[in-house]
Amino acid sequence: MPEDSLQAKQLSDLGLFSHLSRIVARTTDLEGMALSALEIIQSALRIDCCSIMLLDPERSELVMLASSTIPRAEWPGIRIPLG
């Protein structure tokens, strides 16, 4: 990748992280923040689907927080055991 293209990508990535950090800083609504992050990530990576999962350390599982393709009603039941 030419150096100019690499620098442009790095600036773009920094802009993405800056935008995400502003969303995180201004909200106390975890699900709303996750949904906003999904939109930004999908757009930046040009992907069709994206999900965010959180770690439940007591149960050693990943728990669905938000998804662009899985119906919201199903999120609470989606858990992935670690290991």
Protein backbone atom coordinates (compact mmCIF):
# COMPACT_ATOMS: atom_id res chain seq x y z
CA MET A 1 0.00 0.00 0.00
CA PRO A 2 1.51 3.39 -0.96
CA GLU A 3 2.40 5.66 1.95
CA ASP A 4 -0.23 8.28 1.01
CA SER A 5 -2.96 5.63 1.00
CA LEU A 6 -1.77 4.27 4.33
CA GLN A 7 -1.82 7.74 5.89
CA ALA A 8 -5.30 8.41 4.52
CA LYS A 9 -6.56 5.11 5.99
CA GLN A 10 -4.96 5.89 9.35
CA LEU A 11 -6.65 9.31 9.41
CA SER A 12 -9.95 7.70 8.50
CA ASP A 13 -9.53 5.12 11.28
CA LEU A 14 -8.69 7.86 13.79
CA GLY A 15 -11.81 9.74 12.75
CA LEU A 16 -13.88 6.60 13.28
CA PHE A 17 -12.49 6.05 16.77
CA SER A 18 -12.95 9.73 17.60
CA HIS A 19 -16.60 9.55 16.54
CA LEU A 20 -17.17 6.35 18.54
CA SER A 21 -15.55 7.86 21.64
CA ARG A 22 -17.86 10.91 21.44
CA ILE A 23 -20.90 8.61 21.31
CA VAL A 24 -19.65 6.61 24.30
CA ALA A 25 -18.89 9.77 26.29
CA ARG A 26 -22.29 11.39 25.80
CA THR A 27 -24.62 8.49 26.61
CA THR A 28 -25.52 6.34 29.58
CA ASP A 29 -27.72 4.10 27.44
CA LEU A 30 -25.54 1.06 26.75
CA GLU A 31 -27.85 -0.47 24.15
CA GLY A 32 -28.31 2.85 22.33
CA MET A 33 -24.56 3.38 22.28
CA ALA A 34 -24.04 -0.14 20.92
CA LEU A 35 -26.59 0.39 18.15
CA SER A 36 -24.91 3.65 17.14
CA ALA A 37 -21.54 1.92 17.17
CA LEU A 38 -22.94 -0.87 14.97
CA GLU A 39 -24.03 1.63 12.34
CA ILE A 40 -20.66 3.37 12.32
CA ILE A 41 -18.70 0.12 12.20
CA GLN A 42 -20.87 -1.34 9.42
CA SER A 43 -20.48 1.78 7.33
CA ALA A 44 -16.73 2.07 7.90
CA LEU A 45 -16.02 -1.59 7.19
CA ARG A 46 -18.65 -1.87 4.44
CA ILE A 47 -20.15 -5.00 5.97
CA ASP A 48 -23.73 -6.29 5.94
CA CYS A 49 -24.00 -7.59 9.48
CA CYS A 50 -22.42 -6.82 12.81
CA SER A 51 -23.00 -7.80 16.44
CA ILE A 52 -21.64 -6.65 19.77
CA MET A 53 -21.39 -9.05 22.68
CA LEU A 54 -20.35 -8.45 26.28
CA LEU A 55 -18.58 -10.78 28.66
CA ASP A 56 -20.57 -12.14 31.61
CA PRO A 57 -17.62 -13.04 33.86
CA GLU A 58 -19.76 -14.86 36.42
CA ARG A 59 -21.05 -17.31 33.82
CA SER A 60 -18.00 -17.22 31.51
CA GLU A 61 -20.22 -16.40 28.54
CA LEU A 62 -20.53 -13.77 25.85
CA VAL A 63 -23.97 -12.17 25.90
CA MET A 64 -25.56 -10.42 22.91
CA LEU A 65 -25.82 -6.66 23.44
CA ALA A 66 -26.80 -5.57 19.94
CA SER A 67 -26.99 -6.90 16.41
CA SER A 68 -27.77 -5.46 13.02
CA THR A 69 -29.37 -8.67 11.74
CA ILE A 70 -30.65 -10.69 14.70
CA PRO A 71 -34.11 -9.64 15.92
CA ARG A 72 -33.97 -7.70 19.20
CA ALA A 73 -36.36 -10.13 20.91
CA GLU A 74 -33.75 -12.89 20.49
CA TRP A 75 -30.80 -10.97 21.99
CA PRO A 76 -31.34 -11.96 25.64
CA GLY A 77 -31.24 -15.65 24.77
CA ILE A 78 -28.02 -15.52 22.79
CA ARG A 79 -25.10 -16.62 24.93
CA ILE A 80 -21.82 -18.15 23.82
CA PRO A 81 -19.80 -20.10 26.38
CA LEU A 82 -16.09 -19.29 26.52
CA GLY A 83 -13.59 -21.99 25.75
